[in-house]
Amino acid sequence: MLAWAFDRFLPKGMHWRDLFEVVIVGARKPDFFSSRLPLFDVVDDVGLLRAAPTGITHRGVHHGGDASLVEEWLGLSGSEILYVGDHIWGDVKVTKRVLRWRTGLVLRELEGELEAIEGSLPTRRSCRR
């Protein structure tokens, strides 16, 4: 999804991963935010994993791990970190409450949902009577 959304707008030879210091997949949320979990390096685009017992040692895509490893690698904490997710509870609420990280939320298009809500207004009004 990110390749489609970003790569076509970036300079030639640049990839969406170049925009981020650390990318974590398979984070096992919400435990990612409050527990120590094993970390793996994602070696290739097919998804080959390599154990990373010493933590994050380079920029790139990683699998698993935990928030403390991210903070340690970046040398940052709290509002100095921007976390981008797609789930209002599992990404935004927990991240803000537990770690105080800034958050970006990726949402699907809501136009269809808004039209459905507006279209159901007469029915909802009649139910209130």
N, C-alpha and C. Protein backbone atom coordinates (compact mmCIF):
# COMPACT_ATOMS: atom_id res chain seq x y z
N MET A 1 0.82 -1.18 0.00
CA MET A 1 0.00 0.00 0.00
C MET A 1 0.88 1.25 0.00
N LEU A 2 1.92 1.27 0.83
CA LEU A 2 2.77 2.46 0.91
C LEU A 2 3.55 2.68 -0.38
N ALA A 3 3.96 1.60 -1.05
CA ALA A 3 4.64 1.76 -2.34
C ALA A 3 3.72 2.48 -3.33
N TRP A 4 2.45 2.06 -3.38
CA TRP A 4 1.51 2.70 -4.29
C TRP A 4 1.25 4.15 -3.89
N ALA A 5 1.11 4.41 -2.60
CA ALA A 5 0.76 5.75 -2.12
C ALA A 5 1.92 6.75 -2.22
N PHE A 6 3.15 6.29 -2.02
CA PHE A 6 4.27 7.23 -1.93
C PHE A 6 5.26 7.17 -3.09
N ASP A 7 5.64 5.96 -3.50
CA ASP A 7 6.78 5.82 -4.42
C ASP A 7 6.64 6.63 -5.70
N ARG A 8 5.45 6.71 -6.25
CA ARG A 8 5.28 7.43 -7.52
C ARG A 8 5.48 8.93 -7.39
N PHE A 9 5.46 9.45 -6.16
CA PHE A 9 5.65 10.88 -5.94
C PHE A 9 7.07 11.23 -5.46
N LEU A 10 7.87 10.22 -5.24
CA LEU A 10 9.23 10.44 -4.74
C LEU A 10 10.21 10.54 -5.91
N PRO A 11 11.36 11.18 -5.66
CA PRO A 11 12.39 11.24 -6.71
C PRO A 11 12.79 9.84 -7.16
N LYS A 12 13.22 9.74 -8.42
CA LYS A 12 13.62 8.45 -8.99
C LYS A 12 14.67 7.78 -8.11
N GLY A 13 14.44 6.49 -7.83
CA GLY A 13 15.38 5.73 -7.02
C GLY A 13 15.08 5.79 -5.53
N MET A 14 14.14 6.63 -5.12
CA MET A 14 13.77 6.73 -3.71
C MET A 14 12.54 5.87 -3.45
N HIS A 15 12.49 5.24 -2.30
CA HIS A 15 11.41 4.33 -1.94
C HIS A 15 10.77 4.84 -0.65
N TRP A 16 9.51 4.47 -0.38
CA TRP A 16 8.82 4.94 0.82
C TRP A 16 9.59 4.63 2.08
N ARG A 17 10.32 3.52 2.11
CA ARG A 17 11.07 3.15 3.31
C ARG A 17 12.15 4.17 3.65
N ASP A 18 12.60 4.92 2.63
CA ASP A 18 13.62 5.95 2.85
C ASP A 18 13.08 7.12 3.67
N LEU A 19 11.77 7.22 3.81
CA LEU A 19 11.15 8.32 4.55
C LEU A 19 11.14 8.07 6.06
N PHE A 20 11.38 6.83 6.47
CA PHE A 20 11.26 6.45 7.88
C PHE A 20 12.57 5.90 8.41
N GLU A 21 12.87 6.23 9.63
CA GLU A 21 14.06 5.71 10.30
C GLU A 21 13.88 4.22 10.61
N VAL A 22 12.71 3.87 11.11
CA VAL A 22 12.43 2.49 11.49
C VAL A 22 11.01 2.14 11.04
N VAL A 23 10.85 0.97 10.44
CA VAL A 23 9.53 0.44 10.09
C VAL A 23 9.39 -0.89 10.82
N ILE A 24 8.30 -1.01 11.58
CA ILE A 24 8.05 -2.24 12.33
C ILE A 24 6.79 -2.90 11.77
N VAL A 25 6.89 -4.17 11.41
CA VAL A 25 5.73 -4.96 11.00
C VAL A 25 5.57 -6.10 12.01
N GLY A 26 4.39 -6.69 12.07
CA GLY A 26 4.17 -7.80 13.00
C GLY A 26 4.47 -7.42 14.43
N ALA A 27 3.95 -6.28 14.86
CA ALA A 27 4.33 -5.72 16.17
C ALA A 27 3.63 -6.38 17.36
N ARG A 28 2.62 -7.19 17.13
CA ARG A 28 1.88 -7.86 18.21
C ARG A 28 1.35 -6.85 19.24
N LYS A 29 0.64 -5.86 18.72
CA LYS A 29 0.04 -4.86 19.59
C LYS A 29 -1.12 -5.49 20.36
N PRO A 30 -1.42 -5.09 21.54
CA PRO A 30 -0.85 -3.98 22.29
C PRO A 30 0.42 -4.33 23.08
N ASP A 31 0.82 -5.61 23.09
CA ASP A 31 2.01 -5.99 23.86
C ASP A 31 3.26 -5.23 23.42
N PHE A 32 3.32 -4.83 22.15
CA PHE A 32 4.45 -4.07 21.62
C PHE A 32 4.77 -2.86 22.49
N PHE A 33 3.74 -2.24 23.04
CA PHE A 33 3.91 -1.00 23.79
C PHE A 33 4.30 -1.19 25.25
N SER A 34 4.15 -2.39 25.79
CA SER A 34 4.37 -2.55 27.23
C SER A 34 5.19 -3.78 27.63
N SER A 35 5.58 -4.61 26.66
CA SER A 35 6.32 -5.83 26.99
C SER A 35 7.62 -5.91 26.19
N ARG A 36 8.54 -6.72 26.67
CA ARG A 36 9.77 -7.00 25.91
C ARG A 36 9.49 -8.17 24.98
N LEU A 37 9.67 -7.98 23.67
CA LEU A 37 9.37 -9.01 22.69
C LEU A 37 10.57 -9.20 21.75
N PRO A 38 10.73 -10.40 21.17
CA PRO A 38 11.86 -10.64 20.26
C PRO A 38 11.74 -9.82 18.99
N LEU A 39 12.89 -9.43 18.46
CA LEU A 39 12.98 -8.62 17.25
C LEU A 39 13.65 -9.42 16.14
N PHE A 40 13.18 -9.21 14.90
CA PHE A 40 13.78 -9.83 13.73
C PHE A 40 13.99 -8.76 12.67
N ASP A 41 15.07 -8.88 11.90
CA ASP A 41 15.28 -8.03 10.73
C ASP A 41 14.54 -8.67 9.56
N VAL A 42 13.85 -7.85 8.76
CA VAL A 42 13.24 -8.34 7.52
C VAL A 42 14.33 -8.22 6.45
N VAL A 43 14.80 -9.36 5.98
CA VAL A 43 15.97 -9.42 5.11
C VAL A 43 15.64 -9.06 3.67
N ASP A 44 14.46 -9.45 3.18
CA ASP A 44 14.12 -9.17 1.79
C ASP A 44 12.62 -8.93 1.64
N ASP A 45 12.22 -8.59 0.42
CA ASP A 45 10.81 -8.28 0.16
C ASP A 45 9.90 -9.50 0.24
N VAL A 46 10.47 -10.69 0.22
CA VAL A 46 9.69 -11.91 0.35
C VAL A 46 9.29 -12.14 1.80
N GLY A 47 10.04 -11.55 2.73
CA GLY A 47 9.72 -11.66 4.14
C GLY A 47 10.66 -12.54 4.93
N LEU A 48 11.82 -12.87 4.37
CA LEU A 48 12.81 -13.66 5.11
C LEU A 48 13.22 -12.88 6.36
N LEU A 49 13.20 -13.57 7.50
CA LEU A 49 13.53 -12.94 8.78
C LEU A 49 14.85 -13.46 9.32
N ARG A 50 15.57 -12.58 10.03
CA ARG A 50 16.80 -12.94 10.71
C ARG A 50 16.70 -12.42 12.14
N ALA A 51 16.98 -13.28 13.11
CA ALA A 51 16.92 -12.87 14.52
C ALA A 51 17.85 -11.68 14.75
N ALA A 52 17.39 -10.74 15.58
CA ALA A 52 18.17 -9.55 15.92
C ALA A 52 18.25 -9.43 17.44
N PRO A 53 18.99 -10.34 18.09
CA PRO A 53 19.00 -10.37 19.56
C PRO A 53 19.62 -9.15 20.22
N THR A 54 20.40 -8.36 19.47
CA THR A 54 21.01 -7.16 20.05
C THR A 54 20.17 -5.91 19.82
N GLY A 55 18.97 -6.08 19.27
CA GLY A 55 18.09 -4.93 19.06
C GLY A 55 18.22 -4.35 17.66
N ILE A 56 17.72 -3.15 17.49
CA ILE A 56 17.77 -2.47 16.20
C ILE A 56 19.18 -1.93 16.01
N THR A 57 19.82 -2.34 14.92
CA THR A 57 21.21 -1.91 14.67
C THR A 57 21.35 -1.14 13.37
N HIS A 58 20.25 -1.00 12.61
CA HIS A 58 20.31 -0.29 11.34
C HIS A 58 18.91 0.16 10.93
N ARG A 59 18.88 1.17 10.05
CA ARG A 59 17.60 1.61 9.47
C ARG A 59 17.00 0.46 8.71
N GLY A 60 15.68 0.46 8.58
CA GLY A 60 15.06 -0.55 7.75
C GLY A 60 13.79 -1.11 8.35
N VAL A 61 13.40 -2.25 7.80
CA VAL A 61 12.16 -2.90 8.20
C VAL A 61 12.48 -4.02 9.17
N HIS A 62 11.74 -4.05 10.26
CA HIS A 62 11.95 -5.03 11.32
C HIS A 62 10.61 -5.68 11.66
N HIS A 63 10.67 -6.87 12.19
CA HIS A 63 9.47 -7.62 12.56
C HIS A 63 9.47 -7.83 14.07
N GLY A 64 8.36 -7.46 14.72
CA GLY A 64 8.25 -7.69 16.16
C GLY A 64 8.98 -6.63 16.96
N GLY A 65 9.63 -7.09 18.01
CA GLY A 65 10.30 -6.16 18.91
C GLY A 65 9.31 -5.43 19.79
N ASP A 66 9.76 -4.31 20.35
CA ASP A 66 8.89 -3.55 21.24
C ASP A 66 9.27 -2.09 21.22
N ALA A 67 8.42 -1.28 21.82
CA ALA A 67 8.59 0.17 21.80
C ALA A 67 9.90 0.62 22.44
N SER A 68 10.34 -0.06 23.48
CA SER A 68 11.59 0.36 24.14
C SER A 68 12.78 0.22 23.19
N LEU A 69 12.77 -0.78 22.30
CA LEU A 69 13.84 -0.92 21.32
C LEU A 69 13.83 0.23 20.32
N VAL A 70 12.66 0.67 19.94
CA VAL A 70 12.54 1.80 19.02
C VAL A 70 13.07 3.07 19.68
N GLU A 71 12.65 3.32 20.92
CA GLU A 71 13.12 4.51 21.63
C GLU A 71 14.64 4.48 21.81
N GLU A 72 15.16 3.31 22.14
CA GLU A 72 16.61 3.16 22.33
C GLU A 72 17.37 3.45 21.04
N TRP A 73 16.91 2.88 19.92
CA TRP A 73 17.58 3.08 18.64
C TRP A 73 17.55 4.55 18.23
N LEU A 74 16.40 5.18 18.39
CA LEU A 74 16.26 6.57 17.98
C LEU A 74 16.90 7.55 18.95
N GLY A 75 17.07 7.13 20.21
CA GLY A 75 17.55 8.07 21.22
C GLY A 75 16.51 9.13 21.52
N LEU A 76 15.24 8.75 21.35
CA LEU A 76 14.12 9.67 21.55
C LEU A 76 13.06 8.98 22.38
N SER A 77 12.12 9.77 22.90
CA SER A 77 10.99 9.19 23.61
C SER A 77 9.83 10.18 23.59
N GLY A 78 8.69 9.68 24.02
CA GLY A 78 7.51 10.53 24.14
C GLY A 78 7.15 11.24 22.86
N SER A 79 6.83 12.52 22.96
CA SER A 79 6.33 13.29 21.82
C SER A 79 7.38 13.54 20.74
N GLU A 80 8.61 13.11 20.96
CA GLU A 80 9.64 13.24 19.93
C GLU A 80 9.46 12.19 18.82
N ILE A 81 8.60 11.20 19.05
CA ILE A 81 8.40 10.11 18.11
C ILE A 81 7.03 10.22 17.47
N LEU A 82 6.99 10.07 16.14
CA LEU A 82 5.72 10.01 15.41
C LEU A 82 5.45 8.56 15.05
N TYR A 83 4.33 8.05 15.50
CA TYR A 83 3.90 6.68 15.23
C TYR A 83 2.72 6.74 14.27
N VAL A 84 2.81 6.02 13.15
CA VAL A 84 1.74 6.01 12.17
C VAL A 84 1.06 4.65 12.20
N GLY A 85 -0.26 4.63 12.37
CA GLY A 85 -1.01 3.39 12.42
C GLY A 85 -2.35 3.52 11.74
N ASP A 86 -3.10 2.42 11.74
CA ASP A 86 -4.39 2.42 11.05
C ASP A 86 -5.55 1.97 11.93
N HIS A 87 -5.32 1.91 13.24
CA HIS A 87 -6.38 1.45 14.13
C HIS A 87 -6.51 2.44 15.29
N ILE A 88 -7.69 3.02 15.44
CA ILE A 88 -7.86 4.09 16.43
C ILE A 88 -7.58 3.62 17.85
N TRP A 89 -7.95 2.40 18.21
CA TRP A 89 -7.72 1.91 19.57
C TRP A 89 -6.30 1.35 19.71
N GLY A 90 -5.96 0.39 18.86
CA GLY A 90 -4.68 -0.30 19.00
C GLY A 90 -3.47 0.53 18.67
N ASP A 91 -3.64 1.56 17.87
CA ASP A 91 -2.50 2.39 17.49
C ASP A 91 -2.51 3.76 18.19
N VAL A 92 -3.61 4.46 18.11
CA VAL A 92 -3.63 5.83 18.62
C VAL A 92 -3.82 5.89 20.13
N LYS A 93 -4.88 5.31 20.63
CA LYS A 93 -5.20 5.44 22.06
C LYS A 93 -4.11 4.85 22.94
N VAL A 94 -3.71 3.61 22.65
CA VAL A 94 -2.70 2.95 23.49
C VAL A 94 -1.36 3.65 23.39
N THR A 95 -0.96 4.04 22.19
CA THR A 95 0.32 4.71 22.01
C THR A 95 0.37 6.02 22.79
N LYS A 96 -0.70 6.78 22.72
CA LYS A 96 -0.75 8.05 23.44
C LYS A 96 -0.77 7.84 24.95
N ARG A 97 -1.57 6.88 25.41
CA ARG A 97 -1.73 6.67 26.85
C ARG A 97 -0.47 6.09 27.49
N VAL A 98 0.13 5.10 26.85
CA VAL A 98 1.25 4.39 27.46
C VAL A 98 2.58 5.11 27.23
N LEU A 99 2.81 5.59 26.00
CA LEU A 99 4.13 6.12 25.65
C LEU A 99 4.18 7.62 25.42
N ARG A 100 3.05 8.23 25.20
CA ARG A 100 2.96 9.66 24.89
C ARG A 100 3.59 10.00 23.55
N TRP A 101 3.66 9.01 22.63
CA TRP A 101 4.16 9.27 21.29
C TRP A 101 3.11 10.09 20.53
N ARG A 102 3.57 10.92 19.57
CA ARG A 102 2.64 11.57 18.65
C ARG A 102 2.14 10.49 17.70
N THR A 103 0.95 10.65 17.19
CA THR A 103 0.39 9.62 16.33
C THR A 103 -0.17 10.20 15.04
N GLY A 104 -0.04 9.43 13.98
CA GLY A 104 -0.69 9.71 12.71
C GLY A 104 -1.59 8.53 12.41
N LEU A 105 -2.81 8.80 12.02
CA LEU A 105 -3.78 7.74 11.77
C LEU A 105 -4.10 7.69 10.29
N VAL A 106 -3.93 6.54 9.68
CA VAL A 106 -4.28 6.32 8.28
C VAL A 106 -5.68 5.75 8.25
N LEU A 107 -6.59 6.46 7.61
CA LEU A 107 -7.99 6.03 7.54
C LEU A 107 -8.39 5.73 6.10
N ARG A 108 -9.27 4.77 5.96
CA ARG A 108 -9.83 4.53 4.63
C ARG A 108 -10.76 5.70 4.30
N GLU A 109 -11.11 5.82 3.03
CA GLU A 109 -11.99 6.90 2.63
C GLU A 109 -13.34 6.76 3.32
N LEU A 110 -13.86 7.87 3.82
CA LEU A 110 -15.09 7.84 4.60
C LEU A 110 -16.31 8.40 3.88
N GLU A 111 -16.14 8.83 2.62
CA GLU A 111 -17.26 9.46 1.93
C GLU A 111 -18.48 8.56 1.86
N GLY A 112 -18.30 7.28 1.51
CA GLY A 112 -19.42 6.34 1.41
C GLY A 112 -20.15 6.16 2.73
N GLU A 113 -19.36 6.11 3.80
CA GLU A 113 -19.96 5.97 5.13
C GLU A 113 -20.77 7.20 5.51
N LEU A 114 -20.23 8.38 5.21
CA LEU A 114 -20.94 9.62 5.51
C LEU A 114 -22.25 9.71 4.73
N GLU A 115 -22.22 9.28 3.46
CA GLU A 115 -23.45 9.27 2.66
C GLU A 115 -24.49 8.33 3.26
N ALA A 116 -24.05 7.16 3.74
CA ALA A 116 -24.97 6.20 4.36
C ALA A 116 -25.58 6.76 5.63
N ILE A 117 -24.78 7.45 6.41
CA ILE A 117 -25.28 8.07 7.65
C ILE A 117 -26.32 9.12 7.32
N GLU A 118 -26.01 9.98 6.35
CA GLU A 118 -26.96 11.01 5.96
C GLU A 118 -28.23 10.41 5.37
N GLY A 119 -28.09 9.34 4.58
CA GLY A 119 -29.24 8.68 3.97
C GLY A 119 -30.15 8.01 4.99
N SER A 120 -29.58 7.62 6.12
CA SER A 120 -30.38 6.94 7.15
C SER A 120 -31.01 7.92 8.14
N LEU A 121 -30.77 9.19 7.96
CA LEU A 121 -31.28 10.20 8.89
C LEU A 121 -32.80 10.12 9.07
N PRO A 122 -33.61 10.01 8.00
CA PRO A 122 -35.06 9.91 8.20
C PRO A 122 -35.45 8.68 9.04
N THR A 123 -34.81 7.56 8.81
CA THR A 123 -35.13 6.34 9.57
C THR A 123 -34.74 6.53 11.03
N ARG A 124 -33.59 7.10 11.28
CA ARG A 124 -33.15 7.31 12.67
C ARG A 124 -34.08 8.28 13.39
N ARG A 125 -34.55 9.30 12.68
CA ARG A 125 -35.48 10.25 13.29
C ARG A 125 -36.79 9.57 13.66
N SER A 126 -37.29 8.67 12.77
CA SER A 126 -38.55 8.01 13.06
C SER A 126 -38.41 7.03 14.21
N CYS A 127 -37.24 6.49 14.44
CA CYS A 127 -37.00 5.57 15.57
C CYS A 127 -37.01 6.31 16.90
N ARG A 128 -36.67 7.57 16.89
CA ARG A 128 -36.62 8.37 18.12
C ARG A 128 -38.03 8.74 18.61
N ARG A 129 -39.01 8.67 17.74
CA ARG A 129 -40.38 9.08 18.09
C ARG A 129 -41.07 8.09 18.92
